Every structure is written in C-alpha cells, then in structure tokens.
Amino acid sequence: MTDPEAYARGFASLTAHTVDPLLNLVRKSRAPRLLDLGCGTGVVTAAALALGADVTAVDADLDMLEHTARAHPHAEVRLAALPELPFPDGAFDAVAGNFVIQHAPDTPATLAELHRVLRPGGTLALSWWKREEMPATTLLADAATAAGLPGPPPPPRDFDPYASPAAFTTLLRETGFAGGAVDTLRWRHRVDLAAWWDDITSAAGPRFAFILEQDAATIDRIRHAYLTLAAPYAEDGFPVCAHLAHATR
C-alpha cells in the first residue's frame, strides 16, 4: 500500500506533466468513455472529467482508489489488477495509462487486454519513465549507498525488454494496434529538496521502503547524503525523461 497523501504531494506532481499530451488523443477523438488505467490519486481522472469524458478509474491499490473516489465522485472507480480488467469487449473509446504499463506483470498480455476493452477505432495512450534518466528517484538509492547502506538494485520488470520506443512500437503492432508511435518528453521538475525526500520516502513503495526500515541515525545519514547529491538540482530542478506511446484499436 502507498500513502495517497504523500503520493499526491510527490509523485503525482511529477507525473502531472504528461497528462496534457496523454489526453491529446481523447480531445481529438472526442471519446466520451475513458479508462484511466492505474489511476493513482486521480490526476488523469480529474483532467479527463474536465474535458467532459465519462471516466472509469481503476487501480490495484485500495488506498489510492479510496482517495480518487473521494476526490472525484463523478468518476466510476473500480479495483483491478493488470493484466485482467473487469470490463466487456469494446467498453471504452479511449484508454489512458500514466506511468502504469512498466509495472504490469505481463506486458504483452496487458496490451492484448487493452486492445480487447477498446472499441474499434478507440485510442490508446501510455506513458513510462526512462529509468536511466530519473535522478529524482535514483538519487535515493545513490544516497543509501553513499551512507554505507547497499541499496537494492532496481527490480527486474517484465516491461524492460519493451521499454525502448522501437520495441514498444513493435509490440503495439504485434498486438493488433494501428498507427503506433512513441514520443519522448523531457522537462525539469522543480521541488523543495527536503519536501521531496519526505514525500518520496513515504510514497515510493517497496523499492525505497528499506530506507524507512533503518534506525533513526541511519535514516538521517541517508537523508544528508541525498540532500548533498541533490543540491545541484535545487535551482533548475531534476531533469526528467519519459516516453509516451499512442495507437489506435
């Protein structure tokens, strides 16, 4: 489980940058029935509702769903874990997944399921991080190492073989999608470094839970190392890189 309030202050503010391009296809297609895949605290849901979409939001984290249901009572909120979705064939005009596809346990099966729940001509938009260009998060593990605590390596993911734009575009085509393409987005994420530490360690889930499991003195050493490593980004912000895939059913 993730602390939704800490997630909203931290990661959700980082992911919000891609919401506008993610929903561009929804605007163009005037798709009324939208599935917000891996809704988290409802950043995409809020933007899609503002566009007039009929939004169904799904997530595997019950705390996140409860947060989204309270914040956005006009959306339908459902518990669902990829790669299976509790919807009939062709249920949606559009699917938008903001930084969720990389967590799916079976990427090809997940795309096949998204193909199934989209109507013919429906649109798909998915984003994911370029993990190699994410100091906003990787610095936490670097700080643990600098403080003398071996941090766990990034967890292996089923998604890794498909993470490049070329590989993901190929997978979209093999799954039956048309017009698949992947754009690369870069921006700077400006935050208060101390606040970012607090929110990310509280909300980053299993990958960084080991930090808060340490004794107070060790946590303080890691935090000091993090603030030192992050200091060069204090003024201009963390550089961020993400990929955005879009295709048609």
C-alpha atoms as a PDB file:
ATOM      1  CA  MET A   1       0.000   0.000   0.000  1.00  0.00           C
ATOM      2  CA  THR A   2       1.070   3.590  -0.661  1.00  0.00           C
ATOM      3  CA  ASP A   3       0.323   6.731   1.342  1.00  0.00           C
ATOM      4  CA  PRO A   4      -2.002   8.584  -1.075  1.00  0.00           C
ATOM      5  CA  GLU A   5      -1.442  11.998   0.509  1.00  0.00           C
ATOM      6  CA  ALA A   6       2.350  11.721   0.258  1.00  0.00           C
ATOM      7  CA  TYR A   7       1.991  10.340  -3.271  1.00  0.00           C
ATOM      8  CA  ALA A   8      -0.208  13.281  -4.268  1.00  0.00           C
ATOM      9  CA  ARG A   9       2.360  15.779  -2.971  1.00  0.00           C
ATOM     10  CA  GLY A  10       5.324  13.949  -4.515  1.00  0.00           C
ATOM     11  CA  PHE A  11       4.999  11.527  -7.406  1.00  0.00           C
ATOM     12  CA  ALA A  12       1.639  12.832  -8.615  1.00  0.00           C
ATOM     13  CA  SER A  13       3.130  16.291  -9.094  1.00  0.00           C
ATOM     14  CA  LEU A  14       5.895  14.696 -11.166  1.00  0.00           C
ATOM     15  CA  THR A  15       3.505  12.634 -13.299  1.00  0.00           C
ATOM     16  CA  ALA A  16       1.160  15.568 -13.919  1.00  0.00           C
ATOM     17  CA  HIS A  17       3.459  16.929 -16.628  1.00  0.00           C
ATOM     18  CA  THR A  18       2.444  14.207 -19.086  1.00  0.00           C
ATOM     19  CA  VAL A  19      -1.316  14.381 -18.504  1.00  0.00           C
ATOM     20  CA  ASP A  20      -1.943  17.023 -21.172  1.00  0.00           C
ATOM     21  CA  PRO A  21      -0.141  15.163 -24.009  1.00  0.00           C
ATOM     22  CA  LEU A  22      -1.592  11.875 -22.755  1.00  0.00           C
ATOM     23  CA  LEU A  23      -5.117  13.193 -23.233  1.00  0.00           C
ATOM     24  CA  ASN A  24      -4.493  14.863 -26.588  1.00  0.00           C
ATOM     25  CA  LEU A  25      -5.938  11.857 -28.402  1.00  0.00           C
ATOM     26  CA  VAL A  26      -9.009  11.985 -26.208  1.00  0.00           C
ATOM     27  CA  ARG A  27      -9.587  15.593 -27.220  1.00  0.00           C
ATOM     28  CA  LYS A  28      -9.088  14.823 -30.908  1.00  0.00           C
ATOM     29  CA  SER A  29     -11.333  11.767 -30.930  1.00  0.00           C
ATOM     30  CA  ARG A  30     -13.966  13.313 -28.642  1.00  0.00           C
ATOM     31  CA  ALA A  31     -14.003   9.971 -26.843  1.00  0.00           C
ATOM     32  CA  PRO A  32     -16.641  10.087 -24.097  1.00  0.00           C
ATOM     33  CA  ARG A  33     -15.854   6.737 -22.407  1.00  0.00           C
ATOM     34  CA  LEU A  34     -12.339   6.827 -20.976  1.00  0.00           C
ATOM     35  CA  LEU A  35     -10.500   4.270 -18.866  1.00  0.00           C
ATOM     36  CA  ASP A  36      -7.903   5.787 -16.518  1.00  0.00           C
ATOM     37  CA  LEU A  37      -5.577   2.829 -16.116  1.00  0.00           C
ATOM     38  CA  GLY A  38      -3.651   2.816 -12.823  1.00  0.00           C
ATOM     39  CA  CYS A  39      -5.365   5.998 -11.692  1.00  0.00           C
ATOM     40  CA  GLY A  40      -3.323   6.576  -8.528  1.00  0.00           C
ATOM     41  CA  THR A  41      -4.599   9.718  -6.844  1.00  0.00           C
ATOM     42  CA  GLY A  42      -6.671  10.695  -9.882  1.00  0.00           C
ATOM     43  CA  VAL A  43      -4.544  13.223 -11.776  1.00  0.00           C
ATOM     44  CA  VAL A  44      -5.638  11.885 -15.175  1.00  0.00           C
ATOM     45  CA  THR A  45      -9.193  11.336 -13.944  1.00  0.00           C
ATOM     46  CA  ALA A  46      -9.505  14.989 -12.939  1.00  0.00           C
ATOM     47  CA  ALA A  47      -8.224  16.237 -16.292  1.00  0.00           C
ATOM     48  CA  ALA A  48     -10.436  13.852 -18.276  1.00  0.00           C
ATOM     49  CA  LEU A  49     -13.537  14.815 -16.289  1.00  0.00           C
ATOM     50  CA  ALA A  50     -12.751  18.455 -17.033  1.00  0.00           C
ATOM     51  CA  LEU A  51     -12.815  17.554 -20.742  1.00  0.00           C
ATOM     52  CA  GLY A  52     -16.293  16.105 -20.316  1.00  0.00           C
ATOM     53  CA  ALA A  53     -15.279  12.440 -20.512  1.00  0.00           C
ATOM     54  CA  ASP A  54     -17.207   9.647 -18.828  1.00  0.00           C
ATOM     55  CA  VAL A  55     -14.325   8.308 -16.710  1.00  0.00           C
ATOM     56  CA  THR A  56     -13.786   4.867 -15.230  1.00  0.00           C
ATOM     57  CA  ALA A  57     -10.716   4.805 -12.967  1.00  0.00           C
ATOM     58  CA  VAL A  58      -9.003   1.555 -11.972  1.00  0.00           C
ATOM     59  CA  ASP A  59      -6.068   0.751  -9.710  1.00  0.00           C
ATOM     60  CA  ALA A  60      -4.743  -2.246  -7.786  1.00  0.00           C
ATOM     61  CA  ASP A  61      -4.146  -0.160  -4.625  1.00  0.00           C
ATOM     62  CA  LEU A  62      -7.275   0.177  -2.491  1.00  0.00           C
ATOM     63  CA  ASP A  63      -5.961   3.249  -0.643  1.00  0.00           C
ATOM     64  CA  MET A  64      -5.405   5.031  -3.958  1.00  0.00           C
ATOM     65  CA  LEU A  65      -8.900   4.112  -5.129  1.00  0.00           C
ATOM     66  CA  GLU A  66     -10.495   5.417  -1.949  1.00  0.00           C
ATOM     67  CA  HIS A  67      -8.592   8.687  -2.367  1.00  0.00           C
ATOM     68  CA  THR A  68      -9.718   9.035  -6.002  1.00  0.00           C
ATOM     69  CA  ALA A  69     -13.318   8.121  -5.183  1.00  0.00           C
ATOM     70  CA  ARG A  70     -13.490  10.835  -2.514  1.00  0.00           C
ATOM     71  CA  ALA A  71     -11.818  13.450  -4.710  1.00  0.00           C
ATOM     72  CA  HIS A  72     -13.755  12.654  -7.898  1.00  0.00           C
ATOM     73  CA  PRO A  73     -17.262  11.391  -7.075  1.00  0.00           C
ATOM     74  CA  HIS A  74     -18.378  11.712 -10.708  1.00  0.00           C
ATOM     75  CA  ALA A  75     -15.950   9.005 -11.850  1.00  0.00           C
ATOM     76  CA  GLU A  76     -16.646   5.298 -11.632  1.00  0.00           C
ATOM     77  CA  VAL A  77     -13.862   3.764  -9.522  1.00  0.00           C
ATOM     78  CA  ARG A  78     -13.022   0.057  -9.726  1.00  0.00           C
ATOM     79  CA  LEU A  79     -10.416  -2.245  -8.203  1.00  0.00           C
ATOM     80  CA  ALA A  80      -8.477  -4.087 -10.912  1.00  0.00           C
ATOM     81  CA  ALA A  81      -5.046  -5.666 -11.292  1.00  0.00           C
ATOM     82  CA  LEU A  82      -3.349  -5.997 -14.658  1.00  0.00           C
ATOM     83  CA  PRO A  83      -3.315  -7.830 -16.959  1.00  0.00           C
ATOM     84  CA  GLU A  84      -7.018  -8.587 -16.395  1.00  0.00           C
ATOM     85  CA  LEU A  85      -9.753  -5.962 -16.478  1.00  0.00           C
ATOM     86  CA  PRO A  86     -13.379  -6.481 -15.348  1.00  0.00           C
ATOM     87  CA  PHE A  87     -14.986  -4.960 -18.440  1.00  0.00           C
ATOM     88  CA  PRO A  88     -16.685  -6.298 -21.572  1.00  0.00           C
ATOM     89  CA  ASP A  89     -15.196  -6.136 -25.045  1.00  0.00           C
ATOM     90  CA  GLY A  90     -15.229  -2.672 -26.609  1.00  0.00           C
ATOM     91  CA  ALA A  91     -16.265  -0.952 -23.377  1.00  0.00           C
ATOM     92  CA  PHE A  92     -14.162   2.188 -23.898  1.00  0.00           C
ATOM     93  CA  ASP A  93     -13.459   4.795 -26.545  1.00  0.00           C
ATOM     94  CA  ALA A  94     -10.044   5.572 -25.059  1.00  0.00           C
ATOM     95  CA  VAL A  95      -7.561   4.166 -22.548  1.00  0.00           C
ATOM     96  CA  ALA A  96      -5.026   6.433 -20.836  1.00  0.00           C
ATOM     97  CA  GLY A  97      -2.372   4.938 -18.577  1.00  0.00           C
ATOM     98  CA  ASN A  98       0.040   7.371 -16.948  1.00  0.00           C
ATOM     99  CA  PHE A  99       3.172   5.557 -15.728  1.00  0.00           C
ATOM    100  CA  VAL A 100       1.500   2.200 -15.106  1.00  0.00           C
ATOM    101  CA  ILE A 101       2.481  -0.023 -18.048  1.00  0.00           C
ATOM    102  CA  GLN A 102       6.006  -0.508 -16.663  1.00  0.00           C
ATOM    103  CA  HIS A 103       4.510  -2.125 -13.553  1.00  0.00           C
ATOM    104  CA  ALA A 104       2.341  -4.655 -15.395  1.00  0.00           C
ATOM    105  CA  PRO A 105       3.444  -8.233 -14.705  1.00  0.00           C
ATOM    106  CA  ASP A 106       2.885  -9.303 -18.332  1.00  0.00           C
ATOM    107  CA  THR A 107       3.256  -6.514 -20.874  1.00  0.00           C
ATOM    108  CA  PRO A 108       2.031  -8.389 -23.989  1.00  0.00           C
ATOM    109  CA  ALA A 109      -0.980  -9.762 -22.107  1.00  0.00           C
ATOM    110  CA  THR A 110      -1.765  -6.284 -20.765  1.00  0.00           C
ATOM    111  CA  LEU A 111      -1.710  -4.739 -24.229  1.00  0.00           C
ATOM    112  CA  ALA A 112      -3.918  -7.548 -25.520  1.00  0.00           C
ATOM    113  CA  GLU A 113      -6.385  -6.793 -22.734  1.00  0.00           C
ATOM    114  CA  LEU A 114      -6.363  -3.078 -23.525  1.00  0.00           C
ATOM    115  CA  HIS A 115      -6.974  -3.945 -27.179  1.00  0.00           C
ATOM    116  CA  ARG A 116      -9.957  -6.057 -26.090  1.00  0.00           C
ATOM    117  CA  VAL A 117     -11.657  -3.392 -23.947  1.00  0.00           C
ATOM    118  CA  LEU A 118     -11.258  -0.673 -26.604  1.00  0.00           C
ATOM    119  CA  ARG A 119     -13.883  -0.287 -29.303  1.00  0.00           C
ATOM    120  CA  PRO A 120     -12.704  -0.457 -32.939  1.00  0.00           C
ATOM    121  CA  GLY A 121     -11.139   2.910 -33.691  1.00  0.00           C
ATOM    122  CA  GLY A 122     -10.596   3.614 -29.991  1.00  0.00           C
ATOM    123  CA  THR A 123      -7.396   5.292 -28.853  1.00  0.00           C
ATOM    124  CA  LEU A 124      -4.632   4.171 -26.516  1.00  0.00           C
ATOM    125  CA  ALA A 125      -2.099   6.408 -24.755  1.00  0.00           C
ATOM    126  CA  LEU A 126       0.501   5.090 -22.289  1.00  0.00           C
ATOM    127  CA  SER A 127       3.470   6.731 -20.617  1.00  0.00           C
ATOM    128  CA  TRP A 128       6.509   5.352 -18.776  1.00  0.00           C
ATOM    129  CA  TRP A 129       9.747   6.664 -17.328  1.00  0.00           C
ATOM    130  CA  LYS A 130      13.108   6.341 -18.992  1.00  0.00           C
ATOM    131  CA  ARG A 131      14.569   4.893 -15.817  1.00  0.00           C
ATOM    132  CA  GLU A 132      18.166   5.733 -16.756  1.00  0.00           C
ATOM    133  CA  GLU A 133      17.339   9.467 -16.747  1.00  0.00           C
ATOM    134  CA  MET A 134      15.480   9.822 -13.450  1.00  0.00           C
ATOM    135  CA  PRO A 135      17.719  11.364 -10.774  1.00  0.00           C
ATOM    136  CA  ALA A 136      14.559  12.462  -8.947  1.00  0.00           C
ATOM    137  CA  THR A 137      14.222   8.861  -7.783  1.00  0.00           C
ATOM    138  CA  THR A 138      17.560   7.171  -8.436  1.00  0.00           C
ATOM    139  CA  LEU A 139      19.326   9.588  -6.088  1.00  0.00           C
ATOM    140  CA  LEU A 140      17.589   7.923  -3.144  1.00  0.00           C
ATOM    141  CA  ALA A 141      19.343   4.635  -3.844  1.00  0.00           C
ATOM    142  CA  ASP A 142      22.602   6.516  -4.519  1.00  0.00           C
ATOM    143  CA  ALA A 143      22.239   8.274  -1.173  1.00  0.00           C
ATOM    144  CA  ALA A 144      21.776   4.971   0.631  1.00  0.00           C
ATOM    145  CA  THR A 145      24.970   3.673  -0.964  1.00  0.00           C
ATOM    146  CA  ALA A 146      26.833   6.883  -0.086  1.00  0.00           C
ATOM    147  CA  ALA A 147      25.697   6.465   3.516  1.00  0.00           C
ATOM    148  CA  GLY A 148      27.178   2.962   3.611  1.00  0.00           C
ATOM    149  CA  LEU A 149      23.940   1.041   3.108  1.00  0.00           C
ATOM    150  CA  PRO A 150      23.790  -1.083  -0.052  1.00  0.00           C
ATOM    151  CA  GLY A 151      20.543  -0.145  -1.727  1.00  0.00           C
ATOM    152  CA  PRO A 152      18.583  -2.792  -3.609  1.00  0.00           C
ATOM    153  CA  PRO A 153      19.020  -2.738  -7.379  1.00  0.00           C
ATOM    154  CA  PRO A 154      16.043  -1.640  -9.474  1.00  0.00           C
ATOM    155  CA  PRO A 155      13.606  -4.542  -9.514  1.00  0.00           C
ATOM    156  CA  PRO A 156      13.538  -6.616 -12.692  1.00  0.00           C
ATOM    157  CA  ARG A 157      10.430  -5.923 -14.739  1.00  0.00           C
ATOM    158  CA  ASP A 158       8.644  -7.828 -17.459  1.00  0.00           C
ATOM    159  CA  PHE A 159       8.456  -4.446 -19.202  1.00  0.00           C
ATOM    160  CA  ASP A 160      12.228  -3.977 -19.577  1.00  0.00           C
ATOM    161  CA  PRO A 161      12.549  -5.730 -22.990  1.00  0.00           C
ATOM    162  CA  TYR A 162       9.830  -3.421 -24.372  1.00  0.00           C
ATOM    163  CA  ALA A 163      10.974  -0.132 -22.796  1.00  0.00           C
ATOM    164  CA  SER A 164      12.644   1.339 -25.881  1.00  0.00           C
ATOM    165  CA  PRO A 165      10.409   3.239 -28.343  1.00  0.00           C
ATOM    166  CA  ALA A 166      11.255   0.809 -31.168  1.00  0.00           C
ATOM    167  CA  ALA A 167      10.492  -2.295 -29.105  1.00  0.00           C
ATOM    168  CA  PHE A 168       7.221  -0.901 -27.759  1.00  0.00           C
ATOM    169  CA  THR A 169       6.070   0.219 -31.193  1.00  0.00           C
ATOM    170  CA  THR A 170       6.723  -3.299 -32.475  1.00  0.00           C
ATOM    171  CA  LEU A 171       4.740  -4.793 -29.609  1.00  0.00           C
ATOM    172  CA  LEU A 172       1.812  -2.464 -30.317  1.00  0.00           C
ATOM    173  CA  ARG A 173       1.759  -3.652 -33.936  1.00  0.00           C
ATOM    174  CA  GLU A 174       2.028  -7.315 -32.922  1.00  0.00           C
ATOM    175  CA  THR A 175      -0.899  -6.855 -30.525  1.00  0.00           C
ATOM    176  CA  GLY A 176      -3.114  -5.518 -33.299  1.00  0.00           C
ATOM    177  CA  PHE A 177      -2.900  -1.763 -32.763  1.00  0.00           C
ATOM    178  CA  ALA A 178      -2.560   0.571 -35.735  1.00  0.00           C
ATOM    179  CA  GLY A 179      -0.556   3.759 -36.130  1.00  0.00           C
ATOM    180  CA  GLY A 180       1.561   3.079 -33.074  1.00  0.00           C
ATOM    181  CA  ALA A 181       4.286   5.588 -32.234  1.00  0.00           C
ATOM    182  CA  VAL A 182       6.297   6.643 -29.195  1.00  0.00           C
ATOM    183  CA  ASP A 183       7.241  10.240 -28.371  1.00  0.00           C
ATOM    184  CA  THR A 184       9.981  11.237 -25.931  1.00  0.00           C
ATOM    185  CA  LEU A 185       9.267  14.029 -23.449  1.00  0.00           C
ATOM    186  CA  ARG A 186      11.815  15.894 -21.327  1.00  0.00           C
ATOM    187  CA  TRP A 187      11.264  18.530 -18.653  1.00  0.00           C
ATOM    188  CA  ARG A 188      12.619  19.859 -15.342  1.00  0.00           C
ATOM    189  CA  HIS A 189      10.823  19.069 -12.106  1.00  0.00           C
ATOM    190  CA  ARG A 190      11.353  21.857  -9.578  1.00  0.00           C
ATOM    191  CA  VAL A 191      10.735  20.944  -5.962  1.00  0.00           C
ATOM    192  CA  ASP A 192      11.857  21.736  -2.458  1.00  0.00           C
ATOM    193  CA  LEU A 193      14.502  19.035  -1.956  1.00  0.00           C
ATOM    194  CA  ALA A 194      13.716  18.347   1.694  1.00  0.00           C
ATOM    195  CA  ALA A 195       9.983  18.071   0.985  1.00  0.00           C
ATOM    196  CA  TRP A 196      10.689  15.771  -1.971  1.00  0.00           C
ATOM    197  CA  TRP A 197      12.702  13.485   0.316  1.00  0.00           C
ATOM    198  CA  ASP A 198       9.822  13.310   2.814  1.00  0.00           C
ATOM    199  CA  ASP A 199       7.160  12.585   0.206  1.00  0.00           C
ATOM    200  CA  ILE A 200       9.127  10.095  -1.885  1.00  0.00           C
ATOM    201  CA  THR A 201      10.353   8.017   1.042  1.00  0.00           C
ATOM    202  CA  SER A 202       6.765   7.913   2.327  1.00  0.00           C
ATOM    203  CA  ALA A 203       5.158   7.053  -1.002  1.00  0.00           C
ATOM    204  CA  ALA A 204       7.691   5.316  -3.223  1.00  0.00           C
ATOM    205  CA  GLY A 205       6.533   1.846  -2.218  1.00  0.00           C
ATOM    206  CA  PRO A 206       8.626  -1.325  -1.906  1.00  0.00           C
ATOM    207  CA  ARG A 207      11.587  -0.024  -3.881  1.00  0.00           C
ATOM    208  CA  PHE A 208      12.547   2.523  -1.209  1.00  0.00           C
ATOM    209  CA  ALA A 209      10.806   1.064   1.839  1.00  0.00           C
ATOM    210  CA  PHE A 210      14.190  -0.226   3.025  1.00  0.00           C
ATOM    211  CA  ILE A 211      15.206   3.377   3.839  1.00  0.00           C
ATOM    212  CA  LEU A 212      12.466   3.901   6.408  1.00  0.00           C
ATOM    213  CA  GLU A 213      13.161   0.456   7.872  1.00  0.00           C
ATOM    214  CA  GLN A 214      16.561   1.648   9.135  1.00  0.00           C
ATOM    215  CA  ASP A 215      17.244   3.137  12.580  1.00  0.00           C
ATOM    216  CA  ALA A 216      16.912   6.892  13.013  1.00  0.00           C
ATOM    217  CA  ALA A 217      20.661   7.578  12.791  1.00  0.00           C
ATOM    218  CA  THR A 218      20.985   5.649   9.523  1.00  0.00           C
ATOM    219  CA  ILE A 219      17.951   7.383   8.021  1.00  0.00           C
ATOM    220  CA  ASP A 220      19.492  10.723   8.957  1.00  0.00           C
ATOM    221  CA  ARG A 221      22.770   9.760   7.227  1.00  0.00           C
ATOM    222  CA  ILE A 222      20.917   8.741   4.068  1.00  0.00           C
ATOM    223  CA  ARG A 223      18.889  11.942   4.123  1.00  0.00           C
ATOM    224  CA  HIS A 224      22.040  14.050   4.492  1.00  0.00           C
ATOM    225  CA  ALA A 225      23.676  12.172   1.595  1.00  0.00           C
ATOM    226  CA  TYR A 226      20.559  12.666  -0.526  1.00  0.00           C
ATOM    227  CA  LEU A 227      20.461  16.420   0.114  1.00  0.00           C
ATOM    228  CA  THR A 228      24.137  16.656  -0.817  1.00  0.00           C
ATOM    229  CA  LEU A 229      23.679  14.681  -4.052  1.00  0.00           C
ATOM    230  CA  ALA A 230      20.505  16.569  -4.971  1.00  0.00           C
ATOM    231  CA  ALA A 231      21.918  20.032  -4.268  1.00  0.00           C
ATOM    232  CA  PRO A 232      22.987  20.664  -7.906  1.00  0.00           C
ATOM    233  CA  TYR A 233      19.299  20.358  -8.906  1.00  0.00           C
ATOM    234  CA  ALA A 234      17.958  22.775  -6.285  1.00  0.00           C
ATOM    235  CA  GLU A 235      17.653  25.771  -8.606  1.00  0.00           C
ATOM    236  CA  ASP A 236      16.795  24.318 -12.015  1.00  0.00           C
ATOM    237  CA  GLY A 237      15.040  21.139 -10.872  1.00  0.00           C
ATOM    238  CA  PHE A 238      15.537  17.470 -11.656  1.00  0.00           C
ATOM    239  CA  PRO A 239      15.815  16.535 -15.338  1.00  0.00           C
ATOM    240  CA  VAL A 240      13.078  14.073 -16.243  1.00  0.00           C
ATOM    241  CA  CYS A 241      12.611  11.882 -19.303  1.00  0.00           C
ATOM    242  CA  ALA A 242       9.522   9.878 -20.217  1.00  0.00           C
ATOM    243  CA  HIS A 243       8.117   8.053 -23.230  1.00  0.00           C
ATOM    244  CA  LEU A 244       4.548   8.436 -24.454  1.00  0.00           C
ATOM    245  CA  ALA A 245       3.046   5.791 -26.731  1.00  0.00           C
ATOM    246  CA  HIS A 246      -0.142   6.276 -28.710  1.00  0.00           C
ATOM    247  CA  ALA A 247      -2.032   3.973 -31.061  1.00  0.00           C
ATOM    248  CA  THR A 248      -5.488   3.142 -32.398  1.00  0.00           C
ATOM    249  CA  ARG A 249      -7.502  -0.057 -31.975  1.00  0.00           C
END
